[in-house]
All heavy atoms as atom14 arrays in JSON, in Angstrom:
{
  "sequence": "IKNEYGASGIPVIPLIFYLIVGMGIKFSGVNGLFVLGIMLIFHISCQ",
  "atom14_mask": [
    [1, 1, 1, 1, 1, 1, 1, 1, 0, 0, 0, 0, 0, 0],
    [1, 1, 1, 1, 1, 1, 1, 1, 1, 0, 0, 0, 0, 0],
    [1, 1, 1, 1, 1, 1, 1, 1, 0, 0, 0, 0, 0, 0],
    [1, 1, 1, 1, 1, 1, 1, 1, 1, 0, 0, 0, 0, 0],
    [1, 1, 1, 1, 1, 1, 1, 1, 1, 1, 1, 1, 0, 0],
    [1, 1, 1, 1, 0, 0, 0, 0, 0, 0, 0, 0, 0, 0],
    [1, 1, 1, 1, 1, 0, 0, 0, 0, 0, 0, 0, 0, 0],
    [1, 1, 1, 1, 1, 1, 0, 0, 0, 0, 0, 0, 0, 0],
    [1, 1, 1, 1, 0, 0, 0, 0, 0, 0, 0, 0, 0, 0],
    [1, 1, 1, 1, 1, 1, 1, 1, 0, 0, 0, 0, 0, 0],
    [1, 1, 1, 1, 1, 1, 1, 0, 0, 0, 0, 0, 0, 0],
    [1, 1, 1, 1, 1, 1, 1, 0, 0, 0, 0, 0, 0, 0],
    [1, 1, 1, 1, 1, 1, 1, 1, 0, 0, 0, 0, 0, 0],
    [1, 1, 1, 1, 1, 1, 1, 0, 0, 0, 0, 0, 0, 0],
    [1, 1, 1, 1, 1, 1, 1, 1, 0, 0, 0, 0, 0, 0],
    [1, 1, 1, 1, 1, 1, 1, 1, 0, 0, 0, 0, 0, 0],
    [1, 1, 1, 1, 1, 1, 1, 1, 1, 1, 1, 0, 0, 0],
    [1, 1, 1, 1, 1, 1, 1, 1, 1, 1, 1, 1, 0, 0],
    [1, 1, 1, 1, 1, 1, 1, 1, 0, 0, 0, 0, 0, 0],
    [1, 1, 1, 1, 1, 1, 1, 1, 0, 0, 0, 0, 0, 0],
    [1, 1, 1, 1, 1, 1, 1, 0, 0, 0, 0, 0, 0, 0],
    [1, 1, 1, 1, 0, 0, 0, 0, 0, 0, 0, 0, 0, 0],
    [1, 1, 1, 1, 1, 1, 1, 1, 0, 0, 0, 0, 0, 0],
    [1, 1, 1, 1, 0, 0, 0, 0, 0, 0, 0, 0, 0, 0],
    [1, 1, 1, 1, 1, 1, 1, 1, 0, 0, 0, 0, 0, 0],
    [1, 1, 1, 1, 1, 1, 1, 1, 1, 0, 0, 0, 0, 0],
    [1, 1, 1, 1, 1, 1, 1, 1, 1, 1, 1, 0, 0, 0],
    [1, 1, 1, 1, 1, 1, 0, 0, 0, 0, 0, 0, 0, 0],
    [1, 1, 1, 1, 0, 0, 0, 0, 0, 0, 0, 0, 0, 0],
    [1, 1, 1, 1, 1, 1, 1, 0, 0, 0, 0, 0, 0, 0],
    [1, 1, 1, 1, 1, 1, 1, 1, 0, 0, 0, 0, 0, 0],
    [1, 1, 1, 1, 0, 0, 0, 0, 0, 0, 0, 0, 0, 0],
    [1, 1, 1, 1, 1, 1, 1, 1, 0, 0, 0, 0, 0, 0],
    [1, 1, 1, 1, 1, 1, 1, 1, 1, 1, 1, 0, 0, 0],
    [1, 1, 1, 1, 1, 1, 1, 0, 0, 0, 0, 0, 0, 0],
    [1, 1, 1, 1, 1, 1, 1, 1, 0, 0, 0, 0, 0, 0],
    [1, 1, 1, 1, 0, 0, 0, 0, 0, 0, 0, 0, 0, 0],
    [1, 1, 1, 1, 1, 1, 1, 1, 0, 0, 0, 0, 0, 0],
    [1, 1, 1, 1, 1, 1, 1, 1, 0, 0, 0, 0, 0, 0],
    [1, 1, 1, 1, 1, 1, 1, 1, 0, 0, 0, 0, 0, 0],
    [1, 1, 1, 1, 1, 1, 1, 1, 0, 0, 0, 0, 0, 0],
    [1, 1, 1, 1, 1, 1, 1, 1, 1, 1, 1, 0, 0, 0],
    [1, 1, 1, 1, 1, 1, 1, 1, 1, 1, 0, 0, 0, 0],
    [1, 1, 1, 1, 1, 1, 1, 1, 0, 0, 0, 0, 0, 0],
    [1, 1, 1, 1, 1, 1, 0, 0, 0, 0, 0, 0, 0, 0],
    [1, 1, 1, 1, 1, 1, 0, 0, 0, 0, 0, 0, 0, 0],
    [1, 1, 1, 1, 1, 1, 1, 1, 1, 0, 0, 0, 0, 0]
  ],
  "atom14_positions": [
    [[0.86, -1.16, -0.01], [0.02, 0.03, 0.0], [0.86, 1.23, 0.0], [0.58, 2.18, -0.74], [-0.95, 0.0, 1.19], [-2.04, -1.16, 1.04], [-1.63, 1.38, 1.38], [-2.81, -1.36, 2.27], [0.0, 0.0, 0.0], [0.0, 0.0, 0.0], [0.0, 0.0, 0.0], [0.0, 0.0, 0.0], [0.0, 0.0, 0.0], [0.0, 0.0, 0.0]],
    [[1.95, 1.15, 0.79], [2.75, 2.46, 0.87], [3.51, 2.67, -0.4], [3.7, 3.75, -0.86], [3.8, 2.17, 2.07], [4.73, 3.38, 2.28], [5.71, 3.05, 3.34], [6.67, 4.19, 3.46], [7.85, 3.82, 4.38], [0.0, 0.0, 0.0], [0.0, 0.0, 0.0], [0.0, 0.0, 0.0], [0.0, 0.0, 0.0], [0.0, 0.0, 0.0]],
    [[4.16, 1.6, -1.03], [4.96, 1.75, -2.21], [4.2, 1.63, -3.5], [4.69, 1.95, -4.55], [6.07, 0.68, -2.27], [6.94, 0.79, -1.05], [7.17, 1.91, -0.51], [7.71, -0.31, -0.77], [0.0, 0.0, 0.0], [0.0, 0.0, 0.0], [0.0, 0.0, 0.0], [0.0, 0.0, 0.0], [0.0, 0.0, 0.0], [0.0, 0.0, 0.0]],
    [[2.88, 1.24, -3.39], [1.99, 1.09, -4.54], [2.48, -0.08, -5.44], [2.05, -0.17, -6.59], [1.77, 2.29, -5.23], [1.19, 3.35, -4.46], [0.89, 4.62, -5.16], [1.35, 4.8, -6.41], [0.28, 5.58, -4.64], [0.0, 0.0, 0.0], [0.0, 0.0, 0.0], [0.0, 0.0, 0.0], [0.0, 0.0, 0.0], [0.0, 0.0, 0.0]],
    [[3.38, -1.0, -4.98], [3.69, -2.15, -5.74], [4.32, -3.11, -4.7], [4.61, -2.66, -3.63], [4.74, -1.83, -6.83], [6.03, -1.43, -6.38], [7.06, -2.37, -6.13], [6.31, -0.12, -6.11], [8.27, -1.89, -5.65], [7.52, 0.38, -5.74], [8.53, -0.55, -5.44], [9.75, -0.16, -5.04], [0.0, 0.0, 0.0], [0.0, 0.0, 0.0]],
    [[4.45, -4.35, -5.12], [5.07, -5.37, -4.15], [4.44, -6.63, -4.15], [3.31, -6.9, -4.85], [0.0, 0.0, 0.0], [0.0, 0.0, 0.0], [0.0, 0.0, 0.0], [0.0, 0.0, 0.0], [0.0, 0.0, 0.0], [0.0, 0.0, 0.0], [0.0, 0.0, 0.0], [0.0, 0.0, 0.0], [0.0, 0.0, 0.0], [0.0, 0.0, 0.0]],
    [[4.88, -7.49, -3.35], [4.35, -8.84, -3.25], [3.06, -8.94, -2.46], [2.87, -8.01, -1.57], [5.38, -9.73, -2.47], [0.0, 0.0, 0.0], [0.0, 0.0, 0.0], [0.0, 0.0, 0.0], [0.0, 0.0, 0.0], [0.0, 0.0, 0.0], [0.0, 0.0, 0.0], [0.0, 0.0, 0.0], [0.0, 0.0, 0.0], [0.0, 0.0, 0.0]],
    [[2.19, -9.81, -2.79], [0.94, -9.95, -2.03], [1.23, -10.97, -0.96], [2.16, -11.59, -0.8], [-0.13, -10.38, -2.96], [0.2, -11.69, -3.52], [0.0, 0.0, 0.0], [0.0, 0.0, 0.0], [0.0, 0.0, 0.0], [0.0, 0.0, 0.0], [0.0, 0.0, 0.0], [0.0, 0.0, 0.0], [0.0, 0.0, 0.0], [0.0, 0.0, 0.0]],
    [[0.15, -10.99, -0.06], [0.34, -11.89, 1.18], [-0.08, -13.28, 0.87], [-0.21, -13.64, -0.24], [0.0, 0.0, 0.0], [0.0, 0.0, 0.0], [0.0, 0.0, 0.0], [0.0, 0.0, 0.0], [0.0, 0.0, 0.0], [0.0, 0.0, 0.0], [0.0, 0.0, 0.0], [0.0, 0.0, 0.0], [0.0, 0.0, 0.0], [0.0, 0.0, 0.0]],
    [[-0.2, -14.01, 1.99], [-0.49, -15.45, 1.94], [-1.83, -15.61, 2.71], [-1.87, -15.88, 3.92], [0.58, -16.27, 2.63], [1.93, -15.76, 2.15], [0.45, -17.77, 2.48], [3.05, -16.22, 3.03], [0.0, 0.0, 0.0], [0.0, 0.0, 0.0], [0.0, 0.0, 0.0], [0.0, 0.0, 0.0], [0.0, 0.0, 0.0], [0.0, 0.0, 0.0]],
    [[-2.98, -15.53, 1.95], [-4.27, -15.4, 2.73], [-4.81, -16.78, 3.23], [-5.48, -16.76, 4.3], [-5.19, -14.79, 1.71], [-4.7, -15.09, 0.42], [-3.19, -15.21, 0.6], [0.0, 0.0, 0.0], [0.0, 0.0, 0.0], [0.0, 0.0, 0.0], [0.0, 0.0, 0.0], [0.0, 0.0, 0.0], [0.0, 0.0, 0.0], [0.0, 0.0, 0.0]],
    [[-4.56, -17.83, 2.57], [-5.34, -19.11, 2.89], [-4.57, -20.02, 3.8], [-5.23, -20.64, 4.63], [-5.67, -19.86, 1.55], [-6.44, -21.14, 1.84], [-6.46, -18.89, 0.63], [0.0, 0.0, 0.0], [0.0, 0.0, 0.0], [0.0, 0.0, 0.0], [0.0, 0.0, 0.0], [0.0, 0.0, 0.0], [0.0, 0.0, 0.0], [0.0, 0.0, 0.0]],
    [[-3.37, -20.14, 3.69], [-2.55, -21.11, 4.35], [-2.7, -20.97, 5.98], [-2.89, -21.89, 6.67], [-1.07, -21.11, 3.98], [-1.02, -21.6, 2.53], [-0.25, -22.06, 4.83], [0.36, -21.62, 1.88], [0.0, 0.0, 0.0], [0.0, 0.0, 0.0], [0.0, 0.0, 0.0], [0.0, 0.0, 0.0], [0.0, 0.0, 0.0], [0.0, 0.0, 0.0]],
    [[-2.54, -19.69, 6.51], [-2.74, -19.54, 8.01], [-4.16, -20.02, 8.39], [-4.29, -20.51, 9.5], [-2.51, -18.11, 8.23], [-1.69, -17.63, 7.08], [-2.1, -18.47, 5.93], [0.0, 0.0, 0.0], [0.0, 0.0, 0.0], [0.0, 0.0, 0.0], [0.0, 0.0, 0.0], [0.0, 0.0, 0.0], [0.0, 0.0, 0.0], [0.0, 0.0, 0.0]],
    [[-5.1, -19.7, 7.56], [-6.47, -20.13, 7.88], [-6.61, -21.59, 8.01], [-7.28, -22.22, 8.95], [-7.51, -19.59, 6.86], [-8.91, -19.7, 7.16], [-9.28, -18.97, 8.44], [-9.74, -19.16, 6.01], [0.0, 0.0, 0.0], [0.0, 0.0, 0.0], [0.0, 0.0, 0.0], [0.0, 0.0, 0.0], [0.0, 0.0, 0.0], [0.0, 0.0, 0.0]],
    [[-5.97, -22.4, 7.11], [-5.94, -23.84, 7.21], [-5.24, -24.27, 8.46], [-5.75, -25.19, 9.14], [-5.26, -24.42, 5.92], [-6.1, -24.09, 4.77], [-5.04, -25.85, 6.1], [-5.44, -24.47, 3.4], [0.0, 0.0, 0.0], [0.0, 0.0, 0.0], [0.0, 0.0, 0.0], [0.0, 0.0, 0.0], [0.0, 0.0, 0.0], [0.0, 0.0, 0.0]],
    [[-4.17, -23.65, 8.86], [-3.49, -24.0, 10.1], [-4.36, -23.84, 11.29], [-4.35, -24.68, 12.18], [-2.15, -23.14, 10.23], [-1.03, -23.45, 9.27], [0.02, -22.65, 9.18], [-1.05, -24.58, 8.53], [1.1, -22.95, 8.33], [0.0, -24.97, 7.64], [1.04, -24.12, 7.56], [0.0, 0.0, 0.0], [0.0, 0.0, 0.0], [0.0, 0.0, 0.0]],
    [[-5.1, -22.65, 11.26], [-6.08, -22.41, 12.37], [-7.11, -23.41, 12.49], [-7.6, -23.79, 13.62], [-6.6, -21.01, 12.36], [-5.57, -19.88, 12.34], [-5.78, -18.69, 11.73], [-4.39, -20.01, 13.09], [-4.8, -17.71, 11.75], [-3.41, -19.07, 13.14], [-3.64, -17.89, 12.39], [-2.76, -16.87, 12.46], [0.0, 0.0, 0.0], [0.0, 0.0, 0.0]],
    [[-7.61, -23.89, 11.31], [-8.66, -24.94, 11.39], [-8.1, -26.18, 11.99], [-8.73, -26.84, 12.82], [-9.11, -25.16, 9.97], [-10.04, -24.09, 9.29], [-10.3, -24.42, 7.85], [-11.35, -24.01, 10.12], [0.0, 0.0, 0.0], [0.0, 0.0, 0.0], [0.0, 0.0, 0.0], [0.0, 0.0, 0.0], [0.0, 0.0, 0.0], [0.0, 0.0, 0.0]],
    [[-6.83, -26.5, 11.55], [-6.21, -27.75, 12.16], [-6.06, -27.66, 13.59], [-6.31, -28.6, 14.44], [-4.89, -28.02, 11.38], [-5.14, -28.5, 10.0], [-4.11, -29.16, 12.18], [-3.9, -28.52, 9.18], [0.0, 0.0, 0.0], [0.0, 0.0, 0.0], [0.0, 0.0, 0.0], [0.0, 0.0, 0.0], [0.0, 0.0, 0.0], [0.0, 0.0, 0.0]],
    [[-5.61, -26.46, 14.05], [-5.36, -26.23, 15.5], [-6.69, -26.31, 16.22], [-6.75, -26.89, 17.34], [-4.63, -24.88, 15.7], [-4.67, -24.54, 17.15], [-3.23, -24.93, 15.22], [0.0, 0.0, 0.0], [0.0, 0.0, 0.0], [0.0, 0.0, 0.0], [0.0, 0.0, 0.0], [0.0, 0.0, 0.0], [0.0, 0.0, 0.0], [0.0, 0.0, 0.0]],
    [[-7.73, -25.68, 15.68], [-9.01, -25.68, 16.34], [-9.65, -27.06, 16.51], [-10.25, -27.35, 17.47], [0.0, 0.0, 0.0], [0.0, 0.0, 0.0], [0.0, 0.0, 0.0], [0.0, 0.0, 0.0], [0.0, 0.0, 0.0], [0.0, 0.0, 0.0], [0.0, 0.0, 0.0], [0.0, 0.0, 0.0], [0.0, 0.0, 0.0], [0.0, 0.0, 0.0]],
    [[-9.32, -27.93, 15.58], [-9.83, -29.3, 15.63], [-8.99, -30.13, 16.57], [-9.47, -31.13, 17.12], [-9.95, -29.96, 14.3], [-10.97, -29.39, 13.46], [-11.19, -30.15, 11.82], [-9.63, -29.94, 11.1], [0.0, 0.0, 0.0], [0.0, 0.0, 0.0], [0.0, 0.0, 0.0], [0.0, 0.0, 0.0], [0.0, 0.0, 0.0], [0.0, 0.0, 0.0]],
    [[-7.67, -29.79, 16.74], [-6.74, -30.73, 17.38], [-6.27, -30.39, 18.77], [-5.51, -31.23, 19.39], [0.0, 0.0, 0.0], [0.0, 0.0, 0.0], [0.0, 0.0, 0.0], [0.0, 0.0, 0.0], [0.0, 0.0, 0.0], [0.0, 0.0, 0.0], [0.0, 0.0, 0.0], [0.0, 0.0, 0.0], [0.0, 0.0, 0.0], [0.0, 0.0, 0.0]],
    [[-6.69, -29.26, 19.29], [-6.15, -28.92, 20.59], [-7.19, -28.29, 21.48], [-8.12, -27.67, 21.02], [-4.96, -27.9, 20.41], [-4.1, -27.81, 21.69], [-5.41, -26.61, 20.02], [-2.8, -27.21, 21.5], [0.0, 0.0, 0.0], [0.0, 0.0, 0.0], [0.0, 0.0, 0.0], [0.0, 0.0, 0.0], [0.0, 0.0, 0.0], [0.0, 0.0, 0.0]],
    [[-6.98, -28.4, 22.83], [-7.84, -27.72, 23.82], [-6.91, -27.02, 24.69], [-5.96, -27.57, 25.26], [-8.68, -28.66, 24.54], [-9.8, -29.32, 23.76], [-10.71, -30.14, 24.62], [-11.86, -30.72, 23.8], [-12.84, -31.42, 24.64], [0.0, 0.0, 0.0], [0.0, 0.0, 0.0], [0.0, 0.0, 0.0], [0.0, 0.0, 0.0], [0.0, 0.0, 0.0]],
    [[-7.09, -25.69, 24.79], [-6.3, -24.79, 25.6], [-6.81, -24.78, 27.02], [-7.73, -24.05, 27.25], [-6.17, -23.37, 25.07], [-5.39, -23.37, 23.75], [-6.04, -23.5, 22.5], [-4.06, -23.17, 23.8], [-5.36, -23.35, 21.37], [-3.32, -23.12, 22.58], [-3.9, -23.21, 21.39], [0.0, 0.0, 0.0], [0.0, 0.0, 0.0], [0.0, 0.0, 0.0]],
    [[-6.28, -25.57, 27.95], [-6.6, -25.61, 29.32], [-8.17, -25.72, 29.56], [-8.71, -24.96, 30.26], [-6.12, -24.35, 29.99], [-4.73, -24.31, 29.92], [0.0, 0.0, 0.0], [0.0, 0.0, 0.0], [0.0, 0.0, 0.0], [0.0, 0.0, 0.0], [0.0, 0.0, 0.0], [0.0, 0.0, 0.0], [0.0, 0.0, 0.0], [0.0, 0.0, 0.0]],
    [[-8.76, -26.64, 28.79], [-10.15, -26.77, 28.9], [-11.01, -25.87, 28.02], [-12.21, -26.03, 28.02], [0.0, 0.0, 0.0], [0.0, 0.0, 0.0], [0.0, 0.0, 0.0], [0.0, 0.0, 0.0], [0.0, 0.0, 0.0], [0.0, 0.0, 0.0], [0.0, 0.0, 0.0], [0.0, 0.0, 0.0], [0.0, 0.0, 0.0], [0.0, 0.0, 0.0]],
    [[-10.42, -24.99, 27.34], [-11.13, -24.13, 26.46], [-11.5, -24.86, 25.22], [-10.67, -25.58, 24.64], [-10.24, -22.85, 26.11], [-11.07, -21.93, 25.13], [-9.98, -22.08, 27.35], [0.0, 0.0, 0.0], [0.0, 0.0, 0.0], [0.0, 0.0, 0.0], [0.0, 0.0, 0.0], [0.0, 0.0, 0.0], [0.0, 0.0, 0.0], [0.0, 0.0, 0.0]],
    [[-12.69, -24.7, 24.72], [-13.12, -25.38, 23.5], [-12.28, -24.93, 22.27], [-11.94, -23.83, 22.09], [-14.63, -25.06, 23.18], [-15.26, -25.99, 22.21], [-14.55, -26.77, 21.65], [-16.49, -25.77, 22.09], [0.0, 0.0, 0.0], [0.0, 0.0, 0.0], [0.0, 0.0, 0.0], [0.0, 0.0, 0.0], [0.0, 0.0, 0.0], [0.0, 0.0, 0.0]],
    [[-12.04, -25.83, 21.41], [-11.25, -25.65, 20.16], [-11.94, -24.61, 19.3], [-11.31, -23.86, 18.53], [0.0, 0.0, 0.0], [0.0, 0.0, 0.0], [0.0, 0.0, 0.0], [0.0, 0.0, 0.0], [0.0, 0.0, 0.0], [0.0, 0.0, 0.0], [0.0, 0.0, 0.0], [0.0, 0.0, 0.0], [0.0, 0.0, 0.0], [0.0, 0.0, 0.0]],
    [[-13.34, -24.56, 19.32], [-14.03, -23.6, 18.48], [-13.84, -22.23, 18.94], [-13.82, -21.24, 18.22], [-15.54, -23.94, 18.5], [-15.93, -25.22, 17.66], [-17.42, -25.46, 17.9], [-15.46, -25.13, 16.25], [0.0, 0.0, 0.0], [0.0, 0.0, 0.0], [0.0, 0.0, 0.0], [0.0, 0.0, 0.0], [0.0, 0.0, 0.0], [0.0, 0.0, 0.0]],
    [[-13.62, -22.05, 20.31], [-13.41, -20.69, 20.73], [-12.04, -20.2, 20.34], [-11.96, -19.05, 19.85], [-13.45, -20.75, 22.34], [-13.11, -19.38, 23.0], [-13.98, -18.34, 22.94], [-11.89, -19.24, 23.63], [-13.64, -17.11, 23.49], [-11.6, -18.08, 24.18], [-12.49, -16.99, 24.21], [0.0, 0.0, 0.0], [0.0, 0.0, 0.0], [0.0, 0.0, 0.0]],
    [[-10.98, -21.08, 20.38], [-9.69, -20.75, 19.9], [-9.78, -20.43, 18.44], [-9.14, -19.48, 17.99], [-8.7, -21.89, 20.19], [-7.38, -21.65, 19.56], [-8.58, -22.04, 21.65], [0.0, 0.0, 0.0], [0.0, 0.0, 0.0], [0.0, 0.0, 0.0], [0.0, 0.0, 0.0], [0.0, 0.0, 0.0], [0.0, 0.0, 0.0], [0.0, 0.0, 0.0]],
    [[-10.47, -21.28, 17.61], [-10.61, -20.96, 16.22], [-11.33, -19.6, 15.95], [-10.89, -18.92, 15.02], [-11.48, -22.17, 15.59], [-11.73, -21.99, 14.1], [-10.37, -22.03, 13.31], [-12.69, -23.15, 13.64], [0.0, 0.0, 0.0], [0.0, 0.0, 0.0], [0.0, 0.0, 0.0], [0.0, 0.0, 0.0], [0.0, 0.0, 0.0], [0.0, 0.0, 0.0]],
    [[-12.27, -19.28, 16.75], [-12.93, -17.95, 16.55], [-12.02, -16.79, 16.82], [-11.95, -15.86, 16.05], [0.0, 0.0, 0.0], [0.0, 0.0, 0.0], [0.0, 0.0, 0.0], [0.0, 0.0, 0.0], [0.0, 0.0, 0.0], [0.0, 0.0, 0.0], [0.0, 0.0, 0.0], [0.0, 0.0, 0.0], [0.0, 0.0, 0.0], [0.0, 0.0, 0.0]],
    [[-11.18, -16.95, 17.89], [-10.2, -15.88, 18.21], [-9.19, -15.75, 17.11], [-8.83, -14.66, 16.63], [-9.54, -16.13, 19.53], [-10.54, -16.11, 20.7], [-8.36, -15.22, 19.78], [-11.14, -14.79, 20.9], [0.0, 0.0, 0.0], [0.0, 0.0, 0.0], [0.0, 0.0, 0.0], [0.0, 0.0, 0.0], [0.0, 0.0, 0.0], [0.0, 0.0, 0.0]],
    [[-8.7, -16.84, 16.6], [-7.69, -16.83, 15.55], [-8.31, -16.35, 14.25], [-7.64, -15.68, 13.38], [-7.06, -18.19, 15.45], [-6.21, -18.69, 16.63], [-5.18, -17.39, 17.32], [-4.11, -16.99, 16.06], [0.0, 0.0, 0.0], [0.0, 0.0, 0.0], [0.0, 0.0, 0.0], [0.0, 0.0, 0.0], [0.0, 0.0, 0.0], [0.0, 0.0, 0.0]],
    [[-9.58, -16.65, 13.98], [-10.25, -16.15, 12.75], [-10.29, -14.6, 12.82], [-10.13, -14.02, 11.81], [-11.53, -16.86, 12.58], [-12.31, -16.47, 11.41], [-11.6, -16.99, 10.15], [-13.71, -17.13, 11.41], [0.0, 0.0, 0.0], [0.0, 0.0, 0.0], [0.0, 0.0, 0.0], [0.0, 0.0, 0.0], [0.0, 0.0, 0.0], [0.0, 0.0, 0.0]],
    [[-10.59, -14.07, 13.95], [-10.71, -12.69, 14.09], [-9.33, -12.03, 13.86], [-9.17, -10.96, 13.19], [-11.26, -12.24, 15.47], [-12.71, -12.69, 15.59], [-11.04, -10.68, 15.8], [-13.34, -12.53, 16.96], [0.0, 0.0, 0.0], [0.0, 0.0, 0.0], [0.0, 0.0, 0.0], [0.0, 0.0, 0.0], [0.0, 0.0, 0.0], [0.0, 0.0, 0.0]],
    [[-8.21, -12.66, 14.5], [-6.94, -12.18, 14.22], [-6.55, -12.29, 12.67], [-5.99, -11.27, 12.16], [-5.97, -13.1, 15.05], [-4.52, -12.68, 14.84], [-4.01, -11.5, 15.37], [-3.74, -13.52, 14.14], [-2.58, -11.28, 15.14], [-2.34, -13.23, 13.84], [-1.86, -12.02, 14.44], [0.0, 0.0, 0.0], [0.0, 0.0, 0.0], [0.0, 0.0, 0.0]],
    [[-6.95, -13.3, 12.01], [-6.66, -13.57, 10.62], [-7.38, -12.48, 9.78], [-6.69, -11.83, 8.95], [-7.05, -14.93, 10.2], [-6.91, -15.25, 8.76], [-5.65, -15.47, 8.28], [-7.74, -15.37, 7.79], [-5.79, -15.73, 6.97], [-7.09, -15.64, 6.67], [0.0, 0.0, 0.0], [0.0, 0.0, 0.0], [0.0, 0.0, 0.0], [0.0, 0.0, 0.0]],
    [[-8.66, -12.22, 10.08], [-9.35, -11.27, 9.33], [-8.83, -9.83, 9.55], [-8.73, -9.02, 8.58], [-10.82, -11.34, 9.69], [-11.45, -12.59, 9.08], [-11.61, -10.1, 9.18], [-12.86, -12.9, 9.54], [0.0, 0.0, 0.0], [0.0, 0.0, 0.0], [0.0, 0.0, 0.0], [0.0, 0.0, 0.0], [0.0, 0.0, 0.0], [0.0, 0.0, 0.0]],
    [[-8.36, -9.51, 10.77], [-7.77, -8.25, 11.05], [-6.44, -8.08, 10.27], [-6.24, -7.02, 9.69], [-7.47, -8.18, 12.56], [-8.65, -8.22, 13.32], [0.0, 0.0, 0.0], [0.0, 0.0, 0.0], [0.0, 0.0, 0.0], [0.0, 0.0, 0.0], [0.0, 0.0, 0.0], [0.0, 0.0, 0.0], [0.0, 0.0, 0.0], [0.0, 0.0, 0.0]],
    [[-5.52, -9.05, 10.24], [-4.33, -8.96, 9.52], [-4.53, -8.97, 8.0], [-3.78, -8.27, 7.31], [-3.38, -10.12, 9.97], [-2.74, -9.98, 11.58], [0.0, 0.0, 0.0], [0.0, 0.0, 0.0], [0.0, 0.0, 0.0], [0.0, 0.0, 0.0], [0.0, 0.0, 0.0], [0.0, 0.0, 0.0], [0.0, 0.0, 0.0], [0.0, 0.0, 0.0]],
    [[-5.49, -9.68, 7.57], [-5.66, -9.73, 6.06], [-6.43, -8.58, 5.48], [-6.11, -8.2, 4.44], [-6.39, -11.11, 5.69], [-5.67, -12.33, 6.07], [-4.52, -12.51, 5.17], [-4.43, -12.17, 3.99], [-3.41, -13.09, 5.7], [0.0, 0.0, 0.0], [0.0, 0.0, 0.0], [0.0, 0.0, 0.0], [0.0, 0.0, 0.0], [0.0, 0.0, 0.0]]
  ]
}
């Protein structure tokens, strides 16, 4: 945006990672869907 040219980002791969994490882990009893929701908000903010 600043230079008006350059490389684009990597939009899909982190989202796939977050889906895998949401399905495969529980953070101290927190539901994986809650973690997935938080990471989805972070992803949308960054992207």
